[in-house]
PDB file of N, CA and C in Angstrom:
ATOM      1  N   UNK A   1       0.857  -1.175   0.000  1.00  0.00           N
ATOM      2  CA  UNK A   1       0.000   0.000   0.000  1.00  0.00           C
ATOM      3  C   UNK A   1       0.902   1.237   0.000  1.00  0.00           C
ATOM      4  N   UNK A   2       0.882   1.995  -1.077  1.00  0.00           N
ATOM      5  CA  UNK A   2       1.715   3.196  -1.128  1.00  0.00           C
ATOM      6  C   UNK A   2       0.826   4.428  -1.274  1.00  0.00           C
ATOM      7  N   UNK A   3       1.320   5.483  -0.743  1.00  0.00           N
ATOM      8  CA  UNK A   3       0.576   6.738  -0.759  1.00  0.00           C
ATOM      9  C   UNK A   3       0.902   7.513  -2.035  1.00  0.00           C
ATOM     10  N   UNK A   4      -0.094   8.169  -2.584  1.00  0.00           N
ATOM     11  CA  UNK A   4       0.106   8.976  -3.782  1.00  0.00           C
ATOM     12  C   UNK A   4       0.956  10.204  -3.445  1.00  0.00           C
ATOM     13  N   UNK A   5       1.846  10.609  -4.337  1.00  0.00           N
ATOM     14  CA  UNK A   5       2.638  11.816  -4.065  1.00  0.00           C
ATOM     15  C   UNK A   5       1.777  13.070  -4.126  1.00  0.00           C
ATOM     16  N   UNK A   6       2.262  14.142  -3.473  1.00  0.00           N
ATOM     17  CA  UNK A   6       1.522  15.392  -3.466  1.00  0.00           C
ATOM     18  C   UNK A   6       1.450  15.991  -4.861  1.00  0.00           C
ATOM     19  N   UNK A   7       2.540  15.894  -5.600  1.00  0.00           N
ATOM     20  CA  UNK A   7       2.601  16.418  -6.963  1.00  0.00           C
ATOM     21  C   UNK A   7       3.109  15.322  -7.888  1.00  0.00           C
ATOM     22  N   UNK A   8       2.717  15.380  -9.133  1.00  0.00           N
ATOM     23  CA  UNK A   8       3.282  14.407 -10.083  1.00  0.00           C
ATOM     24  C   UNK A   8       4.789  14.625 -10.256  1.00  0.00           C
ATOM     25  N   UNK A   9       5.493  13.558 -10.528  1.00  0.00           N
ATOM     26  CA  UNK A   9       6.944  13.613 -10.672  1.00  0.00           C
ATOM     27  C   UNK A   9       7.365  14.562 -11.785  1.00  0.00           C
ATOM     28  N   UNK A  10       6.590  14.647 -12.851  1.00  0.00           N
ATOM     29  CA  UNK A  10       6.929  15.527 -13.968  1.00  0.00           C
ATOM     30  C   UNK A  10       6.928  16.992 -13.535  1.00  0.00           C
ATOM     31  N   UNK A  11       5.954  17.368 -12.710  1.00  0.00           N
ATOM     32  CA  UNK A  11       5.888  18.747 -12.213  1.00  0.00           C
ATOM     33  C   UNK A  11       7.104  19.062 -11.341  1.00  0.00           C
ATOM     34  N   UNK A  12       7.503  18.113 -10.497  1.00  0.00           N
ATOM     35  CA  UNK A  12       8.668  18.321  -9.639  1.00  0.00           C
ATOM     36  C   UNK A  12       9.938  18.499 -10.468  1.00  0.00           C
ATOM     37  N   UNK A  13      10.097  17.688 -11.489  1.00  0.00           N
ATOM     38  CA  UNK A  13      11.278  17.794 -12.340  1.00  0.00           C
ATOM     39  C   UNK A  13      11.270  19.129 -13.071  1.00  0.00           C
ATOM     40  N   UNK A  14      10.093  19.559 -13.525  1.00  0.00           N
ATOM     41  CA  UNK A  14       9.979  20.855 -14.219  1.00  0.00           C
ATOM     42  C   UNK A  14      10.352  22.011 -13.289  1.00  0.00           C
ATOM     43  N   UNK A  15       9.856  21.980 -12.057  1.00  0.00           N
ATOM     44  CA  UNK A  15      10.179  23.032 -11.087  1.00  0.00           C
ATOM     45  C   UNK A  15      11.674  23.016 -10.745  1.00  0.00           C
ATOM     46  N   UNK A  16      12.251  21.824 -10.575  1.00  0.00           N
ATOM     47  CA  UNK A  16      13.679  21.727 -10.283  1.00  0.00           C
ATOM     48  C   UNK A  16      14.509  22.329 -11.413  1.00  0.00           C
ATOM     49  N   UNK A  17      14.139  22.025 -12.649  1.00  0.00           N
ATOM     50  CA  UNK A  17      14.867  22.597 -13.791  1.00  0.00           C
ATOM     51  C   UNK A  17      14.769  24.115 -13.795  1.00  0.00           C
ATOM     52  N   UNK A  18      13.571  24.631 -13.504  1.00  0.00           N
ATOM     53  CA  UNK A  18      13.387  26.085 -13.495  1.00  0.00           C
ATOM     54  C   UNK A  18      14.263  26.739 -12.433  1.00  0.00           C
ATOM     55  N   UNK A  19      14.213  26.234 -11.204  1.00  0.00           N
ATOM     56  CA  UNK A  19      14.956  26.860 -10.109  1.00  0.00           C
ATOM     57  C   UNK A  19      16.459  26.691 -10.271  1.00  0.00           C
ATOM     58  N   UNK A  20      16.891  25.612 -10.903  1.00  0.00           N
ATOM     59  CA  UNK A  20      18.322  25.427 -11.123  1.00  0.00           C
ATOM     60  C   UNK A  20      18.841  26.281 -12.270  1.00  0.00           C
ATOM     61  N   UNK A  21      17.959  26.685 -13.178  1.00  0.00           N
ATOM     62  CA  UNK A  21      18.405  27.481 -14.314  1.00  0.00           C
ATOM     63  C   UNK A  21      18.417  28.978 -14.013  1.00  0.00           C
ATOM     64  N   UNK A  22      17.688  29.428 -12.999  1.00  0.00           N
ATOM     65  CA  UNK A  22      17.645  30.845 -12.666  1.00  0.00           C
ATOM     66  C   UNK A  22      18.938  31.239 -11.951  1.00  0.00           C
ATOM     67  N   UNK A  23      19.601  32.264 -12.451  1.00  0.00           N
ATOM     68  CA  UNK A  23      20.879  32.672 -11.866  1.00  0.00           C
ATOM     69  C   UNK A  23      20.684  33.893 -10.966  1.00  0.00           C
ATOM     70  N   UNK A  24      19.907  33.720  -9.923  1.00  0.00           N
ATOM     71  CA  UNK A  24      19.701  34.759  -8.923  1.00  0.00           C
ATOM     72  C   UNK A  24      20.080  34.186  -7.573  1.00  0.00           C
ATOM     73  N   UNK A  25      20.023  35.017  -6.543  1.00  0.00           N
ATOM     74  CA  UNK A  25      20.247  34.518  -5.191  1.00  0.00           C
ATOM     75  C   UNK A  25      19.150  33.530  -4.834  1.00  0.00           C
ATOM     76  N   UNK A  26      19.448  32.620  -3.958  1.00  0.00           N
ATOM     77  CA  UNK A  26      18.500  31.572  -3.598  1.00  0.00           C
ATOM     78  C   UNK A  26      17.208  32.145  -3.025  1.00  0.00           C
ATOM     79  N   UNK A  27      17.299  33.214  -2.253  1.00  0.00           N
ATOM     80  CA  UNK A  27      16.107  33.748  -1.601  1.00  0.00           C
ATOM     81  C   UNK A  27      15.289  34.640  -2.514  1.00  0.00           C
ATOM     82  N   UNK A  28      15.662  34.837  -3.772  1.00  0.00           N
ATOM     83  CA  UNK A  28      14.885  35.664  -4.700  1.00  0.00           C
ATOM     84  C   UNK A  28      14.432  34.890  -5.927  1.00  0.00           C
ATOM     85  N   UNK A  29      14.392  33.563  -5.870  1.00  0.00           N
ATOM     86  CA  UNK A  29      14.077  32.782  -7.061  1.00  0.00           C
ATOM     87  C   UNK A  29      12.583  32.660  -7.337  1.00  0.00           C
ATOM     88  N   UNK A  30      11.739  32.667  -6.328  1.00  0.00           N
ATOM     89  CA  UNK A  30      10.314  32.481  -6.537  1.00  0.00           C
ATOM     90  C   UNK A  30       9.631  33.758  -6.994  1.00  0.00           C
ATOM     91  N   UNK A  31       8.371  33.652  -7.416  1.00  0.00           N
ATOM     92  CA  UNK A  31       7.667  34.822  -7.934  1.00  0.00           C
ATOM     93  C   UNK A  31       7.336  35.875  -6.879  1.00  0.00           C
ATOM     94  N   UNK A  32       7.092  35.472  -5.634  1.00  0.00           N
ATOM     95  CA  UNK A  32       6.719  36.429  -4.590  1.00  0.00           C
ATOM     96  C   UNK A  32       7.839  36.640  -3.579  1.00  0.00           C
ATOM     97  N   UNK A  33       9.035  36.179  -3.878  1.00  0.00           N
ATOM     98  CA  UNK A  33      10.129  36.268  -2.923  1.00  0.00           C
ATOM     99  C   UNK A  33      10.628  37.692  -2.712  1.00  0.00           C
ATOM    100  N   UNK A  34      10.458  38.553  -3.707  1.00  0.00           N
ATOM    101  CA  UNK A  34      10.884  39.940  -3.514  1.00  0.00           C
ATOM    102  C   UNK A  34      10.022  40.628  -2.471  1.00  0.00           C
ATOM    103  N   UNK A  35       8.763  40.228  -2.373  1.00  0.00           N
ATOM    104  CA  UNK A  35       7.872  40.822  -1.371  1.00  0.00           C
ATOM    105  C   UNK A  35       8.289  40.390   0.026  1.00  0.00           C
ATOM    106  N   UNK A  36       8.513  39.081   0.202  1.00  0.00           N
ATOM    107  CA  UNK A  36       8.811  38.585   1.545  1.00  0.00           C
ATOM    108  C   UNK A  36      10.245  38.844   1.981  1.00  0.00           C
ATOM    109  N   UNK A  37      11.182  38.888   1.025  1.00  0.00           N
ATOM    110  CA  UNK A  37      12.591  39.046   1.399  1.00  0.00           C
ATOM    111  C   UNK A  37      13.079  40.482   1.365  1.00  0.00           C
ATOM    112  N   UNK A  38      12.372  41.357   0.667  1.00  0.00           N
ATOM    113  CA  UNK A  38      12.849  42.728   0.514  1.00  0.00           C
ATOM    114  C   UNK A  38      11.832  43.737   1.034  1.00  0.00           C
ATOM    115  N   UNK A  39      10.609  43.687   0.534  1.00  0.00           N
ATOM    116  CA  UNK A  39       9.621  44.727   0.831  1.00  0.00           C
ATOM    117  C   UNK A  39       9.185  44.721   2.301  1.00  0.00           C
ATOM    118  N   UNK A  40       8.874  43.570   2.849  1.00  0.00           N
ATOM    119  CA  UNK A  40       8.400  43.512   4.235  1.00  0.00           C
ATOM    120  C   UNK A  40       9.489  43.951   5.222  1.00  0.00           C
ATOM    121  N   UNK A  41      10.740  43.458   5.114  1.00  0.00           N
ATOM    122  CA  UNK A  41      11.771  43.979   6.031  1.00  0.00           C
ATOM    123  C   UNK A  41      12.029  45.471   5.869  1.00  0.00           C
ATOM    124  N   UNK A  42      11.990  45.984   4.638  1.00  0.00           N
ATOM    125  CA  UNK A  42      12.167  47.426   4.449  1.00  0.00           C
ATOM    126  C   UNK A  42      11.035  48.217   5.085  1.00  0.00           C
ATOM    127  N   UNK A  43       9.804  47.720   4.964  1.00  0.00           N
ATOM    128  CA  UNK A  43       8.666  48.401   5.579  1.00  0.00           C
ATOM    129  C   UNK A  43       8.787  48.395   7.107  1.00  0.00           C
ATOM    130  N   UNK A  44       9.194  47.260   7.675  1.00  0.00           N
ATOM    131  CA  UNK A  44       9.364  47.191   9.131  1.00  0.00           C
ATOM    132  C   UNK A  44      10.479  48.121   9.600  1.00  0.00           C
ATOM    133  N   UNK A  45      11.588  48.142   8.879  1.00  0.00           N
ATOM    134  CA  UNK A  45      12.699  49.017   9.262  1.00  0.00           C
ATOM    135  C   UNK A  45      12.289  50.478   9.143  1.00  0.00           C
ATOM    136  N   UNK A  46      11.560  50.827   8.081  1.00  0.00           N
ATOM    137  CA  UNK A  46      11.106  52.210   7.901  1.00  0.00           C
ATOM    138  C   UNK A  46      10.161  52.655   8.999  1.00  0.00           C
ATOM    139  N   UNK A  47       9.206  51.792   9.359  1.00  0.00           N
ATOM    140  CA  UNK A  47       8.273  52.167  10.418  1.00  0.00           C
ATOM    141  C   UNK A  47       8.980  52.264  11.769  1.00  0.00           C
ATOM    142  N   UNK A  48       9.962  51.392  12.018  1.00  0.00           N
ATOM    143  CA  UNK A  48      10.720  51.475  13.274  1.00  0.00           C
ATOM    144  C   UNK A  48      11.516  52.775  13.353  1.00  0.00           C
ATOM    145  N   UNK A  49      12.180  53.129  12.265  1.00  0.00           N
ATOM    146  CA  UNK A  49      12.939  54.385  12.252  1.00  0.00           C
ATOM    147  C   UNK A  49      12.027  55.590  12.450  1.00  0.00           C
ATOM    148  N   UNK A  50      10.841  55.549  11.837  1.00  0.00           N
ATOM    149  CA  UNK A  50       9.883  56.648  12.011  1.00  0.00           C
ATOM    150  C   UNK A  50       9.460  56.776  13.475  1.00  0.00           C
ATOM    151  N   UNK A  51       9.129  55.638  14.104  1.00  0.00           N
ATOM    152  CA  UNK A  51       8.680  55.689  15.503  1.00  0.00           C
ATOM    153  C   UNK A  51       9.803  56.113  16.447  1.00  0.00           C
ATOM    154  N   UNK A  52      11.021  55.661  16.177  1.00  0.00           N
ATOM    155  CA  UNK A  52      12.152  56.083  17.003  1.00  0.00           C
ATOM    156  C   UNK A  52      12.367  57.587  16.859  1.00  0.00           C
ATOM    157  N   UNK A  53      12.336  58.087  15.628  1.00  0.00           N
ATOM    158  CA  UNK A  53      12.494  59.525  15.396  1.00  0.00           C
ATOM    159  C   UNK A  53      11.404  60.336  16.060  1.00  0.00           C
ATOM    160  N   UNK A  54      10.169  59.862  15.964  1.00  0.00           N
ATOM    161  CA  UNK A  54       9.056  60.561  16.601  1.00  0.00           C
ATOM    162  C   UNK A  54       9.215  60.575  18.117  1.00  0.00           C
ATOM    163  N   UNK A  55       9.675  59.460  18.684  1.00  0.00           N
ATOM    164  CA  UNK A  55       9.872  59.399  20.134  1.00  0.00           C
ATOM    165  C   UNK A  55      10.970  60.345  20.591  1.00  0.00           C
ATOM    166  N   UNK A  56      12.070  60.408  19.842  1.00  0.00           N
ATOM    167  CA  UNK A  56      13.154  61.330  20.198  1.00  0.00           C
ATOM    168  C   UNK A  56      12.675  62.772  20.088  1.00  0.00           C
ATOM    169  N   UNK A  57      11.924  63.089  19.049  1.00  0.00           N
ATOM    170  CA  UNK A  57      11.398  64.448  18.871  1.00  0.00           C
ATOM    171  C   UNK A  57      10.467  64.809  20.033  1.00  0.00           C
ATOM    172  N   UNK A  58       9.561  63.895  20.392  1.00  0.00           N
ATOM    173  CA  UNK A  58       8.621  64.162  21.485  1.00  0.00           C
ATOM    174  C   UNK A  58       9.357  64.327  22.816  1.00  0.00           C
ATOM    175  N   UNK A  59      10.392  63.515  23.052  1.00  0.00           N
ATOM    176  CA  UNK A  59      11.143  63.644  24.312  1.00  0.00           C
ATOM    177  C   UNK A  59      11.904  64.960  24.370  1.00  0.00           C
ATOM    178  N   UNK A  60      12.465  65.363  23.234  1.00  0.00           N
ATOM    179  CA  UNK A  60      13.265  66.594  23.259  1.00  0.00           C
ATOM    180  C   UNK A  60      12.399  67.834  23.392  1.00  0.00           C
ATOM    181  N   UNK A  61      11.144  67.768  22.973  1.00  0.00           N
ATOM    182  CA  UNK A  61      10.246  68.915  23.088  1.00  0.00           C
ATOM    183  C   UNK A  61       9.256  68.797  24.245  1.00  0.00           C
ATOM    184  N   UNK A  62       9.292  67.705  24.975  1.00  0.00           N
ATOM    185  CA  UNK A  62       8.419  67.536  26.131  1.00  0.00           C
ATOM    186  C   UNK A  62       6.970  67.324  25.754  1.00  0.00           C
ATOM    187  N   UNK A  63       6.715  66.710  24.637  1.00  0.00           N
ATOM    188  CA  UNK A  63       5.348  66.491  24.168  1.00  0.00           C
ATOM    189  C   UNK A  63       4.887  65.104  24.645  1.00  0.00           C
ATOM    190  N   UNK A  64       3.622  65.003  25.037  1.00  0.00           N
ATOM    191  CA  UNK A  64       3.033  63.706  25.378  1.00  0.00           C
ATOM    192  C   UNK A  64       3.409  63.153  26.730  1.00  0.00           C
ATOM    193  N   UNK A  65       3.813  63.988  27.660  1.00  0.00           N
ATOM    194  CA  UNK A  65       4.176  63.490  28.986  1.00  0.00           C
ATOM    195  C   UNK A  65       2.920  63.214  29.790  1.00  0.00           C
ATOM    196  N   UNK A  66       2.980  62.172  30.604  1.00  0.00           N
ATOM    197  CA  UNK A  66       1.881  61.871  31.522  1.00  0.00           C
ATOM    198  C   UNK A  66       2.170  62.560  32.836  1.00  0.00           C
ATOM    199  N   UNK A  67       1.160  63.148  33.394  1.00  0.00           N
ATOM    200  CA  UNK A  67       1.335  63.914  34.643  1.00  0.00           C
ATOM    201  C   UNK A  67       1.147  63.028  35.843  1.00  0.00           C
TER     202      UNK A  67
END
């Protein structure tokens, strides 16, 4: 009793050929990899820098203090 594979062997061989033929970095080979490897970290870093800058500005001007 054997279990059916998730994908046909031909599809796996086709995908392997595609990924082995692409001459990019390993983390940028898929179609949506630029979003997960580049855009999301840049967005997180940008928002962190914005919040840090806003906090420093508020502290230096005494804005938003709790009494």
